Amino acid sequence: MKAAIRPRSPHVVQTSLLCLENTHNAAGGRVLPVERMRELVEVAREHGVAVHLDGARLPNAAVATGRRMRDWAEQADTVMVAFTKGLGAPVGAVLAGSAERMESARRIRRRLGGGMRQAGVLAAAALYGLDHHFAALAEDHRRARRLAQRVRHVPGLVVEEPETNIVMLDLEEADALSVLDALHAEGVWMTQFGPRRLRAVLHRDVDDAGVERAAEAIEAVMTSVLASVSGSS
């Protein structure tokens, strides 16, 4: 990180912001530990760089570790938390920071065409999620571990052990797009994260039966795809 911070110079754009994500999406929902974030923030402060925390899944990090969200948030200049992930609200996220920064954020939002009337209806759904769905994130984490356990033995797959509610599936031979199409036909939806990587996200709409159904579909599709790859070679 120190090497990536540009020195002050009239010839290049100055590094002004460090963005951290927790949990880290592309890393498979991994938690950025509080202590590790503190080390990074210290480097940023030494170089006069502001810190933003993308905490879209910060509730997942808190539930997985038993820490408070504020343990991470208080280290950043600004922090965002989404209510549309595991908390289950239909729409909504919040940005928090100092009064001065929030005043600037509101001005920028208006310039970009942002703003909404009667937003209290959406806020009510977000508050309900915080009050009633926060603890249930542990169930998403449990189901993610169950899915990983169920498909770990499937030939052609390398499965990372999940820390929270995201399961990354790496394909040894098969093409990700062909596997996704076959899974979609079975009613199982995932996201492509590279030529040979799939991402599965567990959330309030997926129960235990859904996990088992997804695992069975993954096993069947991989068996079919691998047979096709073997036959074509």
Foldseek 3Di string as FASTA:
>chain_A
DLVPQDDDDPPDDGAAEDEEEALDVLVFRHGDDLVNLVVVLVSCVVVNHAYEYEDQPLLQNCLLVVHDSCSNVVSHQKYKYWCVAQLNQPGDIDMDHDPVVVVVVVVVCVVVVDDDPPCVVSVVSSVCSVVPRSNVQVVLQVLQQVLLVLQCPQPQWHWDRHSGNKIKIFGNDFFPVQLQVQLVVLVDHWDDDDRGMIMDGGHPVADNVNSVSSSVSSNVSSVVRVVVVVVVD
